Amino acid sequence: MKNTRPHQILSQFIQLIDEHLADLIHHRATDMQEIENFAELMHIHPTHLSNTIKEVSGTSACGIYQTKIIETAKQLLADPSLTIRDIAFTLTFDPSQFTKWFKRLAGTTPKQYRAGLAMKA
């Protein structure tokens, strides 16, 4: 990654997302952060953060965040000891909303995704 300020902003944003999702998984956080929260941590305006992320990556800040959340959900679904309900709560979703959100982004329900993993094993 280039060492320009916009690229540094993207890198820091991704790092903060990864740290926040790890905090949720390990129960060190209970609320999902918003883009504004990340901007505040980075000491920049949310609009500047969003515009910079879009300019550098071609994807919106929300798009990157959603992708990271879905990756985390998939990692959690790979652990059969965790219920889908517990995963939803860990990621601060109501279980029914989690299923709808996951299906919209992943193209399959969490239960179907997990069953697909089991068939590959």
PDB file of N, CA and C in Angstrom:
ATOM      1  N   MET A   1       0.846  -1.175   0.000  1.00  0.00           N
ATOM      2  CA  MET A   1       0.000   0.000   0.000  1.00  0.00           C
ATOM      3  C   MET A   1       0.890   1.238   0.000  1.00  0.00           C
ATOM      4  N   LYS A   2       0.492   2.244  -0.758  1.00  0.00           N
ATOM      5  CA  LYS A   2       1.278   3.469  -0.857  1.00  0.00           C
ATOM      6  C   LYS A   2       1.322   4.174   0.488  1.00  0.00           C
ATOM      7  N   ASN A   3       2.358   4.982   0.656  1.00  0.00           N
ATOM      8  CA  ASN A   3       2.560   5.666   1.927  1.00  0.00           C
ATOM      9  C   ASN A   3       2.098   7.112   1.850  1.00  0.00           C
ATOM     10  N   THR A   4       0.932   7.346   1.246  1.00  0.00           N
ATOM     11  CA  THR A   4       0.362   8.680   1.211  1.00  0.00           C
ATOM     12  C   THR A   4      -0.664   8.796   2.325  1.00  0.00           C
ATOM     13  N   ARG A   5      -1.011  10.015   2.688  1.00  0.00           N
ATOM     14  CA  ARG A   5      -1.976  10.214   3.772  1.00  0.00           C
ATOM     15  C   ARG A   5      -3.312   9.507   3.486  1.00  0.00           C
ATOM     16  N   PRO A   6      -3.868   9.617   2.267  1.00  0.00           N
ATOM     17  CA  PRO A   6      -5.120   8.883   2.018  1.00  0.00           C
ATOM     18  C   PRO A   6      -4.980   7.369   2.229  1.00  0.00           C
ATOM     19  N   HIS A   7      -3.856   6.803   1.823  1.00  0.00           N
ATOM     20  CA  HIS A   7      -3.646   5.364   2.018  1.00  0.00           C
ATOM     21  C   HIS A   7      -3.469   5.032   3.498  1.00  0.00           C
ATOM     22  N   GLN A   8      -2.840   5.950   4.236  1.00  0.00           N
ATOM     23  CA  GLN A   8      -2.701   5.758   5.677  1.00  0.00           C
ATOM     24  C   GLN A   8      -4.074   5.781   6.354  1.00  0.00           C
ATOM     25  N   ILE A   9      -4.946   6.671   5.885  1.00  0.00           N
ATOM     26  CA  ILE A   9      -6.305   6.743   6.442  1.00  0.00           C
ATOM     27  C   ILE A   9      -7.028   5.430   6.193  1.00  0.00           C
ATOM     28  N   LEU A  10      -6.941   4.889   4.977  1.00  0.00           N
ATOM     29  CA  LEU A  10      -7.570   3.603   4.665  1.00  0.00           C
ATOM     30  C   LEU A  10      -7.016   2.495   5.555  1.00  0.00           C
ATOM     31  N   SER A  11      -5.714   2.437   5.675  1.00  0.00           N
ATOM     32  CA  SER A  11      -5.068   1.404   6.485  1.00  0.00           C
ATOM     33  C   SER A  11      -5.485   1.511   7.949  1.00  0.00           C
ATOM     34  N   GLN A  12      -5.510   2.719   8.474  1.00  0.00           N
ATOM     35  CA  GLN A  12      -5.904   2.912   9.872  1.00  0.00           C
ATOM     36  C   GLN A  12      -7.372   2.551  10.069  1.00  0.00           C
ATOM     37  N   PHE A  13      -8.218   2.918   9.120  1.00  0.00           N
ATOM     38  CA  PHE A  13      -9.644   2.593   9.194  1.00  0.00           C
ATOM     39  C   PHE A  13      -9.840   1.078   9.255  1.00  0.00           C
ATOM     40  N   ILE A  14      -9.174   0.346   8.377  1.00  0.00           N
ATOM     41  CA  ILE A  14      -9.287  -1.117   8.364  1.00  0.00           C
ATOM     42  C   ILE A  14      -8.761  -1.710   9.669  1.00  0.00           C
ATOM     43  N   GLN A  15      -7.664  -1.178  10.171  1.00  0.00           N
ATOM     44  CA  GLN A  15      -7.107  -1.665  11.434  1.00  0.00           C
ATOM     45  C   GLN A  15      -8.091  -1.438  12.588  1.00  0.00           C
ATOM     46  N   LEU A  16      -8.717  -0.272  12.621  1.00  0.00           N
ATOM     47  CA  LEU A  16      -9.690   0.013  13.682  1.00  0.00           C
ATOM     48  C   LEU A  16     -10.906  -0.910  13.589  1.00  0.00           C
ATOM     49  N   ILE A  17     -11.352  -1.197  12.368  1.00  0.00           N
ATOM     50  CA  ILE A  17     -12.467  -2.130  12.189  1.00  0.00           C
ATOM     51  C   ILE A  17     -12.074  -3.505  12.723  1.00  0.00           C
ATOM     52  N   ASP A  18     -10.890  -3.982  12.318  1.00  0.00           N
ATOM     53  CA  ASP A  18     -10.431  -5.304  12.768  1.00  0.00           C
ATOM     54  C   ASP A  18     -10.338  -5.380  14.294  1.00  0.00           C
ATOM     55  N   GLU A  19      -9.813  -4.328  14.900  1.00  0.00           N
ATOM     56  CA  GLU A  19      -9.697  -4.296  16.362  1.00  0.00           C
ATOM     57  C   GLU A  19     -11.074  -4.287  17.014  1.00  0.00           C
ATOM     58  N   HIS A  20     -11.986  -3.508  16.450  1.00  0.00           N
ATOM     59  CA  HIS A  20     -13.336  -3.442  17.019  1.00  0.00           C
ATOM     60  C   HIS A  20     -14.053  -4.785  16.908  1.00  0.00           C
ATOM     61  N   LEU A  21     -13.951  -5.431  15.756  1.00  0.00           N
ATOM     62  CA  LEU A  21     -14.605  -6.729  15.592  1.00  0.00           C
ATOM     63  C   LEU A  21     -13.999  -7.771  16.529  1.00  0.00           C
ATOM     64  N   ALA A  22     -12.693  -7.713  16.742  1.00  0.00           N
ATOM     65  CA  ALA A  22     -12.055  -8.616  17.712  1.00  0.00           C
ATOM     66  C   ALA A  22     -12.572  -8.334  19.116  1.00  0.00           C
ATOM     67  N   ASP A  23     -12.772  -7.053  19.439  1.00  0.00           N
ATOM     68  CA  ASP A  23     -13.329  -6.698  20.754  1.00  0.00           C
ATOM     69  C   ASP A  23     -14.737  -7.265  20.917  1.00  0.00           C
ATOM     70  N   LEU A  24     -15.548  -7.214  19.863  1.00  0.00           N
ATOM     71  CA  LEU A  24     -16.895  -7.789  19.933  1.00  0.00           C
ATOM     72  C   LEU A  24     -16.831  -9.296  20.150  1.00  0.00           C
ATOM     73  N   ILE A  25     -15.994  -9.970  19.387  1.00  0.00           N
ATOM     74  CA  ILE A  25     -15.874 -11.430  19.483  1.00  0.00           C
ATOM     75  C   ILE A  25     -15.440 -11.860  20.878  1.00  0.00           C
ATOM     76  N   HIS A  26     -14.525 -11.099  21.462  1.00  0.00           N
ATOM     77  CA  HIS A  26     -13.987 -11.456  22.780  1.00  0.00           C
ATOM     78  C   HIS A  26     -14.746 -10.763  23.916  1.00  0.00           C
ATOM     79  N   HIS A  27     -15.894 -10.192  23.586  1.00  0.00           N
ATOM     80  CA  HIS A  27     -16.796  -9.586  24.565  1.00  0.00           C
ATOM     81  C   HIS A  27     -16.151  -8.436  25.343  1.00  0.00           C
ATOM     82  N   ARG A  28     -15.235  -7.721  24.681  1.00  0.00           N
ATOM     83  CA  ARG A  28     -14.647  -6.516  25.275  1.00  0.00           C
ATOM     84  C   ARG A  28     -15.441  -5.281  24.847  1.00  0.00           C
ATOM     85  N   ALA A  29     -16.367  -5.470  23.899  1.00  0.00           N
ATOM     86  CA  ALA A  29     -17.261  -4.401  23.445  1.00  0.00           C
ATOM     87  C   ALA A  29     -18.644  -5.015  23.269  1.00  0.00           C
ATOM     88  N   THR A  30     -19.661  -4.203  23.457  1.00  0.00           N
ATOM     89  CA  THR A  30     -21.027  -4.714  23.338  1.00  0.00           C
ATOM     90  C   THR A  30     -21.847  -3.965  22.295  1.00  0.00           C
ATOM     91  N   ASP A  31     -21.318  -2.881  21.760  1.00  0.00           N
ATOM     92  CA  ASP A  31     -22.035  -2.090  20.763  1.00  0.00           C
ATOM     93  C   ASP A  31     -21.237  -2.026  19.473  1.00  0.00           C
ATOM     94  N   MET A  32     -21.951  -2.095  18.360  1.00  0.00           N
ATOM     95  CA  MET A  32     -21.305  -1.961  17.054  1.00  0.00           C
ATOM     96  C   MET A  32     -20.974  -0.491  16.838  1.00  0.00           C
ATOM     97  N   GLN A  33     -19.729  -0.228  16.477  1.00  0.00           N
ATOM     98  CA  GLN A  33     -19.300   1.140  16.193  1.00  0.00           C
ATOM     99  C   GLN A  33     -19.923   1.616  14.880  1.00  0.00           C
ATOM    100  N   GLU A  34     -20.048   2.916  14.743  1.00  0.00           N
ATOM    101  CA  GLU A  34     -20.516   3.553  13.519  1.00  0.00           C
ATOM    102  C   GLU A  34     -19.303   4.177  12.823  1.00  0.00           C
ATOM    103  N   ILE A  35     -19.472   4.514  11.561  1.00  0.00           N
ATOM    104  CA  ILE A  35     -18.387   5.160  10.806  1.00  0.00           C
ATOM    105  C   ILE A  35     -17.937   6.432  11.535  1.00  0.00           C
ATOM    106  N   GLU A  36     -18.889   7.162  12.092  1.00  0.00           N
ATOM    107  CA  GLU A  36     -18.565   8.392  12.821  1.00  0.00           C
ATOM    108  C   GLU A  36     -17.630   8.117  14.001  1.00  0.00           C
ATOM    109  N   ASN A  37     -17.821   6.978  14.669  1.00  0.00           N
ATOM    110  CA  ASN A  37     -16.962   6.627  15.799  1.00  0.00           C
ATOM    111  C   ASN A  37     -15.519   6.405  15.347  1.00  0.00           C
ATOM    112  N   PHE A  38     -15.363   5.733  14.199  1.00  0.00           N
ATOM    113  CA  PHE A  38     -14.015   5.504  13.675  1.00  0.00           C
ATOM    114  C   PHE A  38     -13.370   6.831  13.282  1.00  0.00           C
ATOM    115  N   ALA A  39     -14.142   7.710  12.656  1.00  0.00           N
ATOM    116  CA  ALA A  39     -13.615   9.022  12.269  1.00  0.00           C
ATOM    117  C   ALA A  39     -13.155   9.799  13.502  1.00  0.00           C
ATOM    118  N   GLU A  40     -13.953   9.734  14.561  1.00  0.00           N
ATOM    119  CA  GLU A  40     -13.591  10.420  15.801  1.00  0.00           C
ATOM    120  C   GLU A  40     -12.282   9.866  16.361  1.00  0.00           C
ATOM    121  N   LEU A  41     -12.144   8.548  16.360  1.00  0.00           N
ATOM    122  CA  LEU A  41     -10.899   7.934  16.839  1.00  0.00           C
ATOM    123  C   LEU A  41      -9.695   8.352  15.996  1.00  0.00           C
ATOM    124  N   MET A  42      -9.950   8.623  14.714  1.00  0.00           N
ATOM    125  CA  MET A  42      -8.882   9.013  13.796  1.00  0.00           C
ATOM    126  C   MET A  42      -8.668  10.528  13.761  1.00  0.00           C
ATOM    127  N   HIS A  43      -9.512  11.264  14.497  1.00  0.00           N
ATOM    128  CA  HIS A  43      -9.435  12.727  14.575  1.00  0.00           C
ATOM    129  C   HIS A  43      -9.628  13.379  13.210  1.00  0.00           C
ATOM    130  N   ILE A  44     -10.577  12.831  12.441  1.00  0.00           N
ATOM    131  CA  ILE A  44     -10.932  13.438  11.168  1.00  0.00           C
ATOM    132  C   ILE A  44     -12.456  13.491  11.052  1.00  0.00           C
ATOM    133  N   HIS A  45     -12.929  14.317  10.170  1.00  0.00           N
ATOM    134  CA  HIS A  45     -14.377  14.462   9.975  1.00  0.00           C
ATOM    135  C   HIS A  45     -14.919  13.220   9.259  1.00  0.00           C
ATOM    136  N   PRO A  46     -16.101  12.743   9.659  1.00  0.00           N
ATOM    137  CA  PRO A  46     -16.673  11.554   9.010  1.00  0.00           C
ATOM    138  C   PRO A  46     -16.797  11.672   7.487  1.00  0.00           C
ATOM    139  N   THR A  47     -17.141  12.855   7.002  1.00  0.00           N
ATOM    140  CA  THR A  47     -17.250  13.044   5.550  1.00  0.00           C
ATOM    141  C   THR A  47     -15.884  12.892   4.889  1.00  0.00           C
ATOM    142  N   HIS A  48     -14.858  13.439   5.527  1.00  0.00           N
ATOM    143  CA  HIS A  48     -13.494  13.305   4.993  1.00  0.00           C
ATOM    144  C   HIS A  48     -13.084  11.826   4.972  1.00  0.00           C
ATOM    145  N   LEU A  49     -13.404  11.114   6.040  1.00  0.00           N
ATOM    146  CA  LEU A  49     -13.092   9.688   6.090  1.00  0.00           C
ATOM    147  C   LEU A  49     -13.793   8.961   4.946  1.00  0.00           C
ATOM    148  N   SER A  50     -15.080   9.178   4.812  1.00  0.00           N
ATOM    149  CA  SER A  50     -15.850   8.487   3.773  1.00  0.00           C
ATOM    150  C   SER A  50     -15.344   8.828   2.379  1.00  0.00           C
ATOM    151  N   ASN A  51     -15.104  10.109   2.119  1.00  0.00           N
ATOM    152  CA  ASN A  51     -14.618  10.517   0.795  1.00  0.00           C
ATOM    153  C   ASN A  51     -13.244   9.943   0.496  1.00  0.00           C
ATOM    154  N   THR A  52     -12.367   9.936   1.491  1.00  0.00           N
ATOM    155  CA  THR A  52     -11.012   9.410   1.305  1.00  0.00           C
ATOM    156  C   THR A  52     -11.040   7.912   1.049  1.00  0.00           C
ATOM    157  N   ILE A  53     -11.831   7.177   1.819  1.00  0.00           N
ATOM    158  CA  ILE A  53     -11.932   5.723   1.642  1.00  0.00           C
ATOM    159  C   ILE A  53     -12.426   5.403   0.238  1.00  0.00           C
ATOM    160  N   LYS A  54     -13.452   6.112  -0.206  1.00  0.00           N
ATOM    161  CA  LYS A  54     -14.027   5.878  -1.535  1.00  0.00           C
ATOM    162  C   LYS A  54     -13.005   6.198  -2.627  1.00  0.00           C
ATOM    163  N   GLU A  55     -12.285   7.298  -2.454  1.00  0.00           N
ATOM    164  CA  GLU A  55     -11.285   7.727  -3.440  1.00  0.00           C
ATOM    165  C   GLU A  55     -10.142   6.710  -3.552  1.00  0.00           C
ATOM    166  N   VAL A  56      -9.665   6.215  -2.429  1.00  0.00           N
ATOM    167  CA  VAL A  56      -8.504   5.325  -2.418  1.00  0.00           C
ATOM    168  C   VAL A  56      -8.880   3.888  -2.794  1.00  0.00           C
ATOM    169  N   SER A  57     -10.016   3.416  -2.283  1.00  0.00           N
ATOM    170  CA  SER A  57     -10.347   1.996  -2.463  1.00  0.00           C
ATOM    171  C   SER A  57     -11.379   1.725  -3.559  1.00  0.00           C
ATOM    172  N   GLY A  58     -12.125   2.750  -3.926  1.00  0.00           N
ATOM    173  CA  GLY A  58     -13.208   2.539  -4.883  1.00  0.00           C
ATOM    174  C   GLY A  58     -14.458   1.959  -4.233  1.00  0.00           C
ATOM    175  N   THR A  59     -14.400   1.749  -2.930  1.00  0.00           N
ATOM    176  CA  THR A  59     -15.519   1.204  -2.154  1.00  0.00           C
ATOM    177  C   THR A  59     -15.842   2.182  -1.033  1.00  0.00           C
ATOM    178  N   SER A  60     -17.099   2.263  -0.667  1.00  0.00           N
ATOM    179  CA  SER A  60     -17.480   3.164   0.424  1.00  0.00           C
ATOM    180  C   SER A  60     -16.951   2.638   1.758  1.00  0.00           C
ATOM    181  N   ALA A  61     -16.848   3.543   2.713  1.00  0.00           N
ATOM    182  CA  ALA A  61     -16.447   3.140   4.066  1.00  0.00           C
ATOM    183  C   ALA A  61     -17.428   2.114   4.614  1.00  0.00           C
ATOM    184  N   CYS A  62     -18.711   2.327   4.372  1.00  0.00           N
ATOM    185  CA  CYS A  62     -19.731   1.372   4.836  1.00  0.00           C
ATOM    186  C   CYS A  62     -19.562   0.026   4.145  1.00  0.00           C
ATOM    187  N   GLY A  63     -19.219   0.052   2.867  1.00  0.00           N
ATOM    188  CA  GLY A  63     -19.012  -1.190   2.134  1.00  0.00           C
ATOM    189  C   GLY A  63     -17.861  -2.004   2.702  1.00  0.00           C
ATOM    190  N   ILE A  64     -16.778  -1.329   3.028  1.00  0.00           N
ATOM    191  CA  ILE A  64     -15.629  -2.017   3.626  1.00  0.00           C
ATOM    192  C   ILE A  64     -16.014  -2.577   4.991  1.00  0.00           C
ATOM    193  N   TYR A  65     -16.723  -1.788   5.768  1.00  0.00           N
ATOM    194  CA  TYR A  65     -17.148  -2.209   7.105  1.00  0.00           C
ATOM    195  C   TYR A  65     -18.067  -3.432   7.009  1.00  0.00           C
ATOM    196  N   GLN A  66     -19.045  -3.379   6.118  1.00  0.00           N
ATOM    197  CA  GLN A  66     -19.962  -4.508   5.938  1.00  0.00           C
ATOM    198  C   GLN A  66     -19.205  -5.766   5.525  1.00  0.00           C
ATOM    199  N   THR A  67     -18.238  -5.619   4.629  1.00  0.00           N
ATOM    200  CA  THR A  67     -17.437  -6.763   4.181  1.00  0.00           C
ATOM    201  C   THR A  67     -16.682  -7.373   5.352  1.00  0.00           C
ATOM    202  N   LYS A  68     -16.106  -6.534   6.185  1.00  0.00           N
ATOM    203  CA  LYS A  68     -15.368  -7.024   7.357  1.00  0.00           C
ATOM    204  C   LYS A  68     -16.316  -7.731   8.341  1.00  0.00           C
ATOM    205  N   ILE A  69     -17.513  -7.198   8.514  1.00  0.00           N
ATOM    206  CA  ILE A  69     -18.471  -7.826   9.426  1.00  0.00           C
ATOM    207  C   ILE A  69     -18.898  -9.183   8.880  1.00  0.00           C
ATOM    208  N   ILE A  70     -19.157  -9.264   7.583  1.00  0.00           N
ATOM    209  CA  ILE A  70     -19.586 -10.549   7.004  1.00  0.00           C
ATOM    210  C   ILE A  70     -18.455 -11.567   7.075  1.00  0.00           C
ATOM    211  N   GLU A  71     -17.213 -11.142   6.867  1.00  0.00           N
ATOM    212  CA  GLU A  71     -16.063 -12.056   7.016  1.00  0.00           C
ATOM    213  C   GLU A  71     -16.004 -12.595   8.446  1.00  0.00           C
ATOM    214  N   THR A  72     -16.233 -11.716   9.415  1.00  0.00           N
ATOM    215  CA  THR A  72     -16.219 -12.120  10.820  1.00  0.00           C
ATOM    216  C   THR A  72     -17.363 -13.092  11.107  1.00  0.00           C
ATOM    217  N   ALA A  73     -18.541 -12.790  10.572  1.00  0.00           N
ATOM    218  CA  ALA A  73     -19.689 -13.682  10.768  1.00  0.00           C
ATOM    219  C   ALA A  73     -19.393 -15.067  10.199  1.00  0.00           C
ATOM    220  N   LYS A  74     -18.776 -15.117   9.037  1.00  0.00           N
ATOM    221  CA  LYS A  74     -18.444 -16.405   8.422  1.00  0.00           C
ATOM    222  C   LYS A  74     -17.427 -17.178   9.264  1.00  0.00           C
ATOM    223  N   GLN A  75     -16.457 -16.473   9.832  1.00  0.00           N
ATOM    224  CA  GLN A  75     -15.480 -17.131  10.707  1.00  0.00           C
ATOM    225  C   GLN A  75     -16.178 -17.720  11.934  1.00  0.00           C
ATOM    226  N   LEU A  76     -17.102 -16.955  12.496  1.00  0.00           N
ATOM    227  CA  LEU A  76     -17.827 -17.432  13.675  1.00  0.00           C
ATOM    228  C   LEU A  76     -18.734 -18.606  13.319  1.00  0.00           C
ATOM    229  N   LEU A  77     -19.346 -18.560  12.146  1.00  0.00           N
ATOM    230  CA  LEU A  77     -20.215 -19.661  11.718  1.00  0.00           C
ATOM    231  C   LEU A  77     -19.430 -20.953  11.492  1.00  0.00           C
ATOM    232  N   ALA A  78     -18.147 -20.849  11.260  1.00  0.00           N
ATOM    233  CA  ALA A  78     -17.302 -22.034  11.067  1.00  0.00           C
ATOM    234  C   ALA A  78     -17.088 -22.790  12.381  1.00  0.00           C
ATOM    235  N   ASP A  79     -17.415 -22.148  13.499  1.00  0.00           N
ATOM    236  CA  ASP A  79     -17.281 -22.790  14.809  1.00  0.00           C
ATOM    237  C   ASP A  79     -18.623 -23.391  15.208  1.00  0.00           C
ATOM    238  N   PRO A  80     -18.782 -24.716  15.094  1.00  0.00           N
ATOM    239  CA  PRO A  80     -20.085 -25.333  15.384  1.00  0.00           C
ATOM    240  C   PRO A  80     -20.503 -25.232  16.850  1.00  0.00           C
ATOM    241  N   SER A  81     -19.594 -24.873  17.731  1.00  0.00           N
ATOM    242  CA  SER A  81     -19.975 -24.739  19.143  1.00  0.00           C
ATOM    243  C   SER A  81     -20.752 -23.449  19.407  1.00  0.00           C
ATOM    244  N   LEU A  82     -20.736 -22.520  18.447  1.00  0.00           N
ATOM    245  CA  LEU A  82     -21.469 -21.259  18.600  1.00  0.00           C
ATOM    246  C   LEU A  82     -22.813 -21.366  17.897  1.00  0.00           C
ATOM    247  N   THR A  83     -23.868 -20.965  18.587  1.00  0.00           N
ATOM    248  CA  THR A  83     -25.174 -20.966  17.931  1.00  0.00           C
ATOM    249  C   THR A  83     -25.282 -19.728  17.042  1.00  0.00           C
ATOM    250  N   ILE A  84     -26.135 -19.823  16.044  1.00  0.00           N
ATOM    251  CA  ILE A  84     -26.355 -18.674  15.168  1.00  0.00           C
ATOM    252  C   ILE A  84     -26.912 -17.513  15.984  1.00  0.00           C
ATOM    253  N   ARG A  85     -27.742 -17.814  16.931  1.00  0.00           N
ATOM    254  CA  ARG A  85     -28.300 -16.790  17.821  1.00  0.00           C
ATOM    255  C   ARG A  85     -27.186 -16.079  18.594  1.00  0.00           C
ATOM    256  N   ASP A  86     -26.243 -16.849  19.146  1.00  0.00           N
ATOM    257  CA  ASP A  86     -25.133 -16.247  19.888  1.00  0.00           C
ATOM    258  C   ASP A  86     -24.256 -15.391  18.972  1.00  0.00           C
ATOM    259  N   ILE A  87     -24.043 -15.858  17.757  1.00  0.00           N
ATOM    260  CA  ILE A  87     -23.243 -15.084  16.795  1.00  0.00           C
ATOM    261  C   ILE A  87     -23.950 -13.765  16.491  1.00  0.00           C
ATOM    262  N   ALA A  88     -25.254 -13.833  16.279  1.00  0.00           N
ATOM    263  CA  ALA A  88     -26.031 -12.612  16.019  1.00  0.00           C
ATOM    264  C   ALA A  88     -25.859 -11.622  17.176  1.00  0.00           C
ATOM    265  N   PHE A  89     -26.031 -12.101  18.388  1.00  0.00           N
ATOM    266  CA  PHE A  89     -25.894 -11.211  19.547  1.00  0.00           C
ATOM    267  C   PHE A  89     -24.471 -10.672  19.683  1.00  0.00           C
ATOM    268  N   THR A  90     -23.486 -11.511  19.423  1.00  0.00           N
ATOM    269  CA  THR A  90     -22.085 -11.066  19.491  1.00  0.00           C
ATOM    270  C   THR A  90     -21.840  -9.915  18.536  1.00  0.00           C
ATOM    271  N   LEU A  91     -22.448  -9.991  17.353  1.00  0.00           N
ATOM    272  CA  LEU A  91     -22.281  -8.946  16.342  1.00  0.00           C
ATOM    273  C   LEU A  91     -23.356  -7.858  16.460  1.00  0.00           C
ATOM    274  N   THR A  92     -24.038  -7.823  17.576  1.00  0.00           N
ATOM    275  CA  THR A  92     -25.028  -6.815  17.963  1.00  0.00           C
ATOM    276  C   THR A  92     -26.266  -6.787  17.059  1.00  0.00           C
ATOM    277  N   PHE A  93     -26.649  -7.934  16.542  1.00  0.00           N
ATOM    278  CA  PHE A  93     -27.859  -8.055  15.741  1.00  0.00           C
ATOM    279  C   PHE A  93     -28.952  -8.743  16.545  1.00  0.00           C
ATOM    280  N   ASP A  94     -30.193  -8.422  16.254  1.00  0.00           N
ATOM    281  CA  ASP A  94     -31.305  -9.266  16.639  1.00  0.00           C
ATOM    282  C   ASP A  94     -31.191 -10.498  15.731  1.00  0.00           C
ATOM    283  N   PRO A  95     -31.393 -11.709  16.242  1.00  0.00           N
ATOM    284  CA  PRO A  95     -31.188 -12.904  15.415  1.00  0.00           C
ATOM    285  C   PRO A  95     -31.929 -12.908  14.075  1.00  0.00           C
ATOM    286  N   SER A  96     -33.182 -12.453  14.043  1.00  0.00           N
ATOM    287  CA  SER A  96     -33.907 -12.462  12.764  1.00  0.00           C
ATOM    288  C   SER A  96     -33.323 -11.430  11.796  1.00  0.00           C
ATOM    289  N   GLN A  97     -32.886 -10.293  12.324  1.00  0.00           N
ATOM    290  CA  GLN A  97     -32.254  -9.278  11.467  1.00  0.00           C
ATOM    291  C   GLN A  97     -30.912  -9.780  10.949  1.00  0.00           C
ATOM    292  N   PHE A  98     -30.189 -10.529  11.779  1.00  0.00           N
ATOM    293  CA  PHE A  98     -28.903 -11.091  11.362  1.00  0.00           C
ATOM    294  C   PHE A  98     -29.096 -12.013  10.161  1.00  0.00           C
ATOM    295  N   THR A  99     -30.107 -12.869  10.232  1.00  0.00           N
ATOM    296  CA  THR A  99     -30.363 -13.800   9.129  1.00  0.00           C
ATOM    297  C   THR A  99     -30.679 -13.039   7.845  1.00  0.00           C
ATOM    298  N   LYS A 100     -31.522 -12.024   7.933  1.00  0.00           N
ATOM    299  CA  LYS A 100     -31.870 -11.219   6.748  1.00  0.00           C
ATOM    300  C   LYS A 100     -30.644 -10.492   6.210  1.00  0.00           C
ATOM    301  N   TRP A 101     -29.873  -9.882   7.098  1.00  0.00           N
ATOM    302  CA  TRP A 101     -28.673  -9.146   6.694  1.00  0.00           C
ATOM    303  C   TRP A 101     -27.658 -10.092   6.055  1.00  0.00           C
ATOM    304  N   PHE A 102     -27.418 -11.224   6.686  1.00  0.00           N
ATOM    305  CA  PHE A 102     -26.446 -12.188   6.174  1.00  0.00           C
ATOM    306  C   PHE A 102     -26.873 -12.676   4.795  1.00  0.00           C
ATOM    307  N   LYS A 103     -28.136 -13.001   4.641  1.00  0.00           N
ATOM    308  CA  LYS A 103     -28.623 -13.507   3.346  1.00  0.00           C
ATOM    309  C   LYS A 103     -28.467 -12.447   2.260  1.00  0.00           C
ATOM    310  N   ARG A 104     -28.748 -11.204   2.596  1.00  0.00           N
ATOM    311  CA  ARG A 104     -28.618 -10.113   1.617  1.00  0.00           C
ATOM    312  C   ARG A 104     -27.165  -9.968   1.154  1.00  0.00           C
ATOM    313  N   LEU A 105     -26.229 -10.098   2.069  1.00  0.00           N
ATOM    314  CA  LEU A 105     -24.818  -9.902   1.714  1.00  0.00           C
ATOM    315  C   LEU A 105     -24.127 -11.173   1.211  1.00  0.00           C
ATOM    316  N   ALA A 106     -24.470 -12.314   1.794  1.00  0.00           N
ATOM    317  CA  ALA A 106     -23.773 -13.561   1.446  1.00  0.00           C
ATOM    318  C   ALA A 106     -24.547 -14.408   0.438  1.00  0.00           C
ATOM    319  N   GLY A 107     -25.811 -14.081   0.221  1.00  0.00           N
ATOM    320  CA  GLY A 107     -26.601 -14.838  -0.736  1.00  0.00           C
ATOM    321  C   GLY A 107     -27.155 -16.149  -0.203  1.00  0.00           C
ATOM    322  N   THR A 108     -26.979 -16.374   1.072  1.00  0.00           N
ATOM    323  CA  THR A 108     -27.459 -17.589   1.719  1.00  0.00           C
ATOM    324  C   THR A 108     -27.721 -17.281   3.187  1.00  0.00           C
ATOM    325  N   THR A 109     -28.537 -18.066   3.839  1.00  0.00           N
ATOM    326  CA  THR A 109     -28.777 -17.828   5.256  1.00  0.00           C
ATOM    327  C   THR A 109     -27.582 -18.352   6.070  1.00  0.00           C
ATOM    328  N   PRO A 110     -27.441 -17.900   7.307  1.00  0.00           N
ATOM    329  CA  PRO A 110     -26.358 -18.425   8.146  1.00  0.00           C
ATOM    330  C   PRO A 110     -26.431 -19.948   8.292  1.00  0.00           C
ATOM    331  N   LYS A 111     -27.634 -20.465   8.444  1.00  0.00           N
ATOM    332  CA  LYS A 111     -27.808 -21.917   8.592  1.00  0.00           C
ATOM    333  C   LYS A 111     -27.358 -22.646   7.323  1.00  0.00           C
ATOM    334  N   GLN A 112     -27.733 -22.137   6.170  1.00  0.00           N
ATOM    335  CA  GLN A 112     -27.320 -22.750   4.904  1.00  0.00           C
ATOM    336  C   GLN A 112     -25.810 -22.634   4.715  1.00  0.00           C
ATOM    337  N   TYR A 113     -25.252 -21.475   5.086  1.00  0.00           N
ATOM    338  CA  TYR A 113     -23.798 -21.283   4.982  1.00  0.00           C
ATOM    339  C   TYR A 113     -23.067 -22.316   5.837  1.00  0.00           C
ATOM    340  N   ARG A 114     -23.532 -22.461   7.064  1.00  0.00           N
ATOM    341  CA  ARG A 114     -22.913 -23.414   7.992  1.00  0.00           C
ATOM    342  C   ARG A 114     -23.048 -24.843   7.465  1.00  0.00           C
ATOM    343  N   ALA A 115     -24.212 -25.190   6.915  1.00  0.00           N
ATOM    344  CA  ALA A 115     -24.412 -26.540   6.355  1.00  0.00           C
ATOM    345  C   ALA A 115     -23.466 -26.781   5.188  1.00  0.00           C
ATOM    346  N   GLY A 116     -23.238 -25.763   4.388  1.00  0.00           N
ATOM    347  CA  GLY A 116     -22.291 -25.866   3.271  1.00  0.00           C
ATOM    348  C   GLY A 116     -20.869 -26.120   3.752  1.00  0.00           C
ATOM    349  N   LEU A 117     -20.504 -25.494   4.863  1.00  0.00           N
ATOM    350  CA  LEU A 117     -19.183 -25.724   5.453  1.00  0.00           C
ATOM    351  C   LEU A 117     -19.057 -27.162   5.930  1.00  0.00           C
ATOM    352  N   ALA A 118     -20.111 -27.672   6.536  1.00  0.00           N
ATOM    353  CA  ALA A 118     -20.097 -29.037   7.063  1.00  0.00           C
ATOM    354  C   ALA A 118     -19.956 -30.048   5.928  1.00  0.00           C
ATOM    355  N   MET A 119     -20.567 -29.773   4.779  1.00  0.00           N
ATOM    356  CA  MET A 119     -20.496 -30.693   3.649  1.00  0.00           C
ATOM    357  C   MET A 119     -19.088 -30.719   3.051  1.00  0.00           C
ATOM    358  N   LYS A 120     -18.362 -29.592   3.152  1.00  0.00           N
ATOM    359  CA  LYS A 120     -17.007 -29.516   2.606  1.00  0.00           C
ATOM    360  C   LYS A 120     -16.002 -30.223   3.506  1.00  0.00           C
ATOM    361  N   ALA A 121     -16.350 -30.346   4.780  1.00  0.00           N
ATOM    362  CA  ALA A 121     -15.410 -30.931   5.751  1.00  0.00           C
ATOM    363  C   ALA A 121     -15.302 -32.448   5.601  1.00  0.00           C
TER     364      ALA A 121
END
